[in-house]
């Protein structure tokens, strides 16, 4: 009888939800590091603006930098990459914003994987719909 109790305790110590706990831990780390990276990138862009000073073609003041004027706003990924490669502070800060936007998108993707692993198809469907809406919104396909 004691052997059966020991076996039952041993089997209960094996956690059936260890996959869920690992993904929950991964999700929390993704959110934490995503926000920290976004803040660091944004701060680097701001520091670059302050230390380098206004350059021709760049925003000339902090107020202009913070405004969303269409002629200074890189709206495509290639334009933003070109701006980052030439150390444009506003584009570096926009990269920080993009990382901040992509963080919850990655969270939804991870939760979608978790629900697939758990075979919880109601939440798979809900997560897939939310993921699709976020992707469409990010690409500008909806919400115009």
C-alpha atoms as a PDB file:
ATOM      1  CA  UNK A   1       0.000   0.000   0.000  1.00  0.00           C
ATOM      2  CA  UNK A   2       2.845   2.390   0.855  1.00  0.00           C
ATOM      3  CA  UNK A   3       4.422   1.599  -2.502  1.00  0.00           C
ATOM      4  CA  UNK A   4       1.183   2.612  -4.299  1.00  0.00           C
ATOM      5  CA  UNK A   5       1.073   5.912  -2.416  1.00  0.00           C
ATOM      6  CA  UNK A   6       4.702   6.617  -3.302  1.00  0.00           C
ATOM      7  CA  UNK A   7       3.998   5.851  -6.956  1.00  0.00           C
ATOM      8  CA  UNK A   8       0.922   8.109  -6.888  1.00  0.00           C
ATOM      9  CA  UNK A   9       2.941  10.942  -5.335  1.00  0.00           C
ATOM     10  CA  UNK A  10       5.696  10.494  -7.914  1.00  0.00           C
ATOM     11  CA  UNK A  11       3.210  10.620 -10.794  1.00  0.00           C
ATOM     12  CA  UNK A  12       1.530  13.719  -9.336  1.00  0.00           C
ATOM     13  CA  UNK A  13       4.908  15.449  -9.112  1.00  0.00           C
ATOM     14  CA  UNK A  14       5.223  15.108 -12.892  1.00  0.00           C
ATOM     15  CA  UNK A  15       3.371  18.168 -14.011  1.00  0.00           C
ATOM     16  CA  UNK A  16       1.062  17.625 -16.969  1.00  0.00           C
ATOM     17  CA  UNK A  17       1.018  21.356 -17.606  1.00  0.00           C
ATOM     18  CA  UNK A  18       4.812  21.769 -17.789  1.00  0.00           C
ATOM     19  CA  UNK A  19       4.531  22.756 -21.476  1.00  0.00           C
ATOM     20  CA  UNK A  20       2.042  25.452 -20.516  1.00  0.00           C
ATOM     21  CA  UNK A  21       4.301  26.699 -17.744  1.00  0.00           C
ATOM     22  CA  UNK A  22       7.295  26.828 -20.088  1.00  0.00           C
ATOM     23  CA  UNK A  23       5.328  28.775 -22.680  1.00  0.00           C
ATOM     24  CA  UNK A  24       3.895  31.074 -19.983  1.00  0.00           C
ATOM     25  CA  UNK A  25       7.447  31.740 -18.816  1.00  0.00           C
ATOM     26  CA  UNK A  26       8.553  32.328 -22.409  1.00  0.00           C
ATOM     27  CA  UNK A  27       5.631  34.727 -22.975  1.00  0.00           C
ATOM     28  CA  UNK A  28       6.502  36.711 -19.856  1.00  0.00           C
ATOM     29  CA  UNK A  29      10.152  36.897 -20.920  1.00  0.00           C
ATOM     30  CA  UNK A  30       9.199  37.966 -24.449  1.00  0.00           C
ATOM     31  CA  UNK A  31       6.996  40.740 -23.069  1.00  0.00           C
ATOM     32  CA  UNK A  32       9.612  41.890 -20.574  1.00  0.00           C
ATOM     33  CA  UNK A  33      12.526  41.830 -23.028  1.00  0.00           C
ATOM     34  CA  UNK A  34      10.427  43.277 -25.837  1.00  0.00           C
ATOM     35  CA  UNK A  35       9.514  46.298 -23.755  1.00  0.00           C
ATOM     36  CA  UNK A  36      13.068  46.685 -22.439  1.00  0.00           C
ATOM     37  CA  UNK A  37      14.567  46.443 -25.943  1.00  0.00           C
ATOM     38  CA  UNK A  38      12.021  48.892 -27.336  1.00  0.00           C
ATOM     39  CA  UNK A  39      12.800  51.357 -24.542  1.00  0.00           C
ATOM     40  CA  UNK A  40      16.559  50.965 -25.053  1.00  0.00           C
ATOM     41  CA  UNK A  41      16.262  51.477 -28.823  1.00  0.00           C
ATOM     42  CA  UNK A  42      14.022  54.512 -28.343  1.00  0.00           C
ATOM     43  CA  UNK A  43      16.402  55.957 -25.762  1.00  0.00           C
ATOM     44  CA  UNK A  44      19.356  55.355 -28.104  1.00  0.00           C
ATOM     45  CA  UNK A  45      17.528  57.250 -30.847  1.00  0.00           C
ATOM     46  CA  UNK A  46      16.798  60.125 -28.496  1.00  0.00           C
ATOM     47  CA  UNK A  47      20.412  60.200 -27.291  1.00  0.00           C
ATOM     48  CA  UNK A  48      21.571  60.198 -30.882  1.00  0.00           C
ATOM     49  CA  UNK A  49      19.329  63.193 -31.562  1.00  0.00           C
ATOM     50  CA  UNK A  50      20.637  65.091 -28.531  1.00  0.00           C
ATOM     51  CA  UNK A  51      24.327  64.263 -29.001  1.00  0.00           C
ATOM     52  CA  UNK A  52      24.510  64.592 -32.768  1.00  0.00           C
ATOM     53  CA  UNK A  53      22.345  67.660 -33.053  1.00  0.00           C
ATOM     54  CA  UNK A  54      20.001  68.538 -35.907  1.00  0.00           C
ATOM     55  CA  UNK A  55      21.272  67.575 -39.351  1.00  0.00           C
ATOM     56  CA  UNK A  56      19.972  68.877 -42.673  1.00  0.00           C
ATOM     57  CA  UNK A  57      16.859  66.925 -43.605  1.00  0.00           C
ATOM     58  CA  UNK A  58      16.339  65.739 -40.030  1.00  0.00           C
ATOM     59  CA  UNK A  59      13.889  67.258 -37.555  1.00  0.00           C
ATOM     60  CA  UNK A  60      15.411  70.484 -36.247  1.00  0.00           C
ATOM     61  CA  UNK A  61      13.872  70.544 -32.772  1.00  0.00           C
ATOM     62  CA  UNK A  62      12.482  68.148 -30.198  1.00  0.00           C
ATOM     63  CA  UNK A  63       8.993  69.441 -30.961  1.00  0.00           C
ATOM     64  CA  UNK A  64       9.471  68.712 -34.669  1.00  0.00           C
ATOM     65  CA  UNK A  65      10.923  65.319 -33.813  1.00  0.00           C
ATOM     66  CA  UNK A  66       7.870  64.409 -31.742  1.00  0.00           C
ATOM     67  CA  UNK A  67       5.376  65.616 -34.341  1.00  0.00           C
ATOM     68  CA  UNK A  68       4.252  63.159 -36.960  1.00  0.00           C
ATOM     69  CA  UNK A  69       4.819  65.262 -40.055  1.00  0.00           C
ATOM     70  CA  UNK A  70       4.411  63.171 -43.173  1.00  0.00           C
ATOM     71  CA  UNK A  71       7.454  64.594 -44.949  1.00  0.00           C
ATOM     72  CA  UNK A  72       9.801  63.417 -42.178  1.00  0.00           C
ATOM     73  CA  UNK A  73       8.004  60.165 -41.351  1.00  0.00           C
ATOM     74  CA  UNK A  74       9.414  56.929 -42.788  1.00  0.00           C
ATOM     75  CA  UNK A  75       6.327  54.909 -43.572  1.00  0.00           C
ATOM     76  CA  UNK A  76       7.915  51.881 -45.219  1.00  0.00           C
ATOM     77  CA  UNK A  77      10.321  49.360 -43.787  1.00  0.00           C
ATOM     78  CA  UNK A  78      12.984  49.993 -46.479  1.00  0.00           C
ATOM     79  CA  UNK A  79      12.839  53.744 -45.797  1.00  0.00           C
ATOM     80  CA  UNK A  80      13.202  53.110 -42.073  1.00  0.00           C
ATOM     81  CA  UNK A  81      16.141  50.738 -42.651  1.00  0.00           C
ATOM     82  CA  UNK A  82      17.849  53.381 -44.817  1.00  0.00           C
ATOM     83  CA  UNK A  83      17.294  55.941 -42.061  1.00  0.00           C
ATOM     84  CA  UNK A  84      18.698  53.641 -39.400  1.00  0.00           C
ATOM     85  CA  UNK A  85      21.730  52.820 -41.545  1.00  0.00           C
ATOM     86  CA  UNK A  86      22.479  56.559 -41.805  1.00  0.00           C
ATOM     87  CA  UNK A  87      21.866  57.029 -38.049  1.00  0.00           C
ATOM     88  CA  UNK A  88      18.734  59.165 -38.365  1.00  0.00           C
ATOM     89  CA  UNK A  89      17.504  59.517 -34.779  1.00  0.00           C
ATOM     90  CA  UNK A  90      13.823  59.620 -35.724  1.00  0.00           C
ATOM     91  CA  UNK A  91      14.102  56.328 -37.598  1.00  0.00           C
ATOM     92  CA  UNK A  92      15.984  54.711 -34.709  1.00  0.00           C
ATOM     93  CA  UNK A  93      13.164  55.775 -32.387  1.00  0.00           C
ATOM     94  CA  UNK A  94      10.609  54.433 -34.863  1.00  0.00           C
ATOM     95  CA  UNK A  95      12.426  51.096 -34.737  1.00  0.00           C
ATOM     96  CA  UNK A  96      11.882  51.135 -30.968  1.00  0.00           C
ATOM     97  CA  UNK A  97       8.184  51.759 -31.542  1.00  0.00           C
ATOM     98  CA  UNK A  98       8.062  48.931 -34.084  1.00  0.00           C
ATOM     99  CA  UNK A  99       9.678  46.543 -31.583  1.00  0.00           C
ATOM    100  CA  UNK A 100       7.121  47.661 -28.999  1.00  0.00           C
ATOM    101  CA  UNK A 101       4.285  46.970 -31.471  1.00  0.00           C
ATOM    102  CA  UNK A 102       5.673  43.566 -32.456  1.00  0.00           C
ATOM    103  CA  UNK A 103       5.998  42.420 -28.825  1.00  0.00           C
ATOM    104  CA  UNK A 104       2.276  41.708 -28.245  1.00  0.00           C
ATOM    105  CA  UNK A 105       2.038  40.222 -31.738  1.00  0.00           C
ATOM    106  CA  UNK A 106       4.686  37.697 -30.740  1.00  0.00           C
ATOM    107  CA  UNK A 107       2.781  37.056 -27.513  1.00  0.00           C
ATOM    108  CA  UNK A 108      -0.373  36.182 -29.440  1.00  0.00           C
ATOM    109  CA  UNK A 109       1.669  33.892 -31.719  1.00  0.00           C
ATOM    110  CA  UNK A 110       3.116  32.085 -28.691  1.00  0.00           C
ATOM    111  CA  UNK A 111      -0.325  31.699 -27.142  1.00  0.00           C
ATOM    112  CA  UNK A 112      -1.580  30.302 -30.446  1.00  0.00           C
ATOM    113  CA  UNK A 113       1.163  27.660 -30.289  1.00  0.00           C
ATOM    114  CA  UNK A 114       0.252  26.879 -26.675  1.00  0.00           C
ATOM    115  CA  UNK A 115      -3.415  26.393 -27.529  1.00  0.00           C
ATOM    116  CA  UNK A 116      -2.507  24.145 -30.462  1.00  0.00           C
ATOM    117  CA  UNK A 117      -0.313  22.027 -28.165  1.00  0.00           C
ATOM    118  CA  UNK A 118      -3.141  21.837 -25.629  1.00  0.00           C
ATOM    119  CA  UNK A 119      -5.612  20.993 -28.405  1.00  0.00           C
ATOM    120  CA  UNK A 120      -7.905  23.781 -27.192  1.00  0.00           C
ATOM    121  CA  UNK A 121      -9.361  24.522 -30.594  1.00  0.00           C
ATOM    122  CA  UNK A 122     -11.791  27.218 -29.455  1.00  0.00           C
ATOM    123  CA  UNK A 123      -8.866  29.300 -28.229  1.00  0.00           C
ATOM    124  CA  UNK A 124      -6.829  28.314 -31.299  1.00  0.00           C
ATOM    125  CA  UNK A 125      -9.539  29.873 -33.445  1.00  0.00           C
ATOM    126  CA  UNK A 126      -9.809  32.980 -31.262  1.00  0.00           C
ATOM    127  CA  UNK A 127      -6.022  33.431 -31.161  1.00  0.00           C
ATOM    128  CA  UNK A 128      -5.750  32.931 -34.916  1.00  0.00           C
ATOM    129  CA  UNK A 129      -8.401  35.595 -35.533  1.00  0.00           C
ATOM    130  CA  UNK A 130      -6.690  38.029 -33.149  1.00  0.00           C
ATOM    131  CA  UNK A 131      -3.309  37.294 -34.764  1.00  0.00           C
ATOM    132  CA  UNK A 132      -4.730  37.880 -38.250  1.00  0.00           C
ATOM    133  CA  UNK A 133      -6.333  41.169 -37.173  1.00  0.00           C
ATOM    134  CA  UNK A 134      -3.072  42.346 -35.611  1.00  0.00           C
ATOM    135  CA  UNK A 135      -1.106  41.415 -38.729  1.00  0.00           C
ATOM    136  CA  UNK A 136      -3.583  43.123 -41.023  1.00  0.00           C
ATOM    137  CA  UNK A 137      -3.553  46.210 -38.825  1.00  0.00           C
ATOM    138  CA  UNK A 138       0.249  46.262 -38.748  1.00  0.00           C
ATOM    139  CA  UNK A 139       0.496  46.013 -42.523  1.00  0.00           C
ATOM    140  CA  UNK A 140      -2.119  48.724 -42.972  1.00  0.00           C
ATOM    141  CA  UNK A 141      -4.614  46.438 -44.664  1.00  0.00           C
ATOM    142  CA  UNK A 142      -7.386  47.327 -42.227  1.00  0.00           C
ATOM    143  CA  UNK A 143      -8.184  50.323 -40.097  1.00  0.00           C
ATOM    144  CA  UNK A 144      -7.835  52.983 -42.765  1.00  0.00           C
END
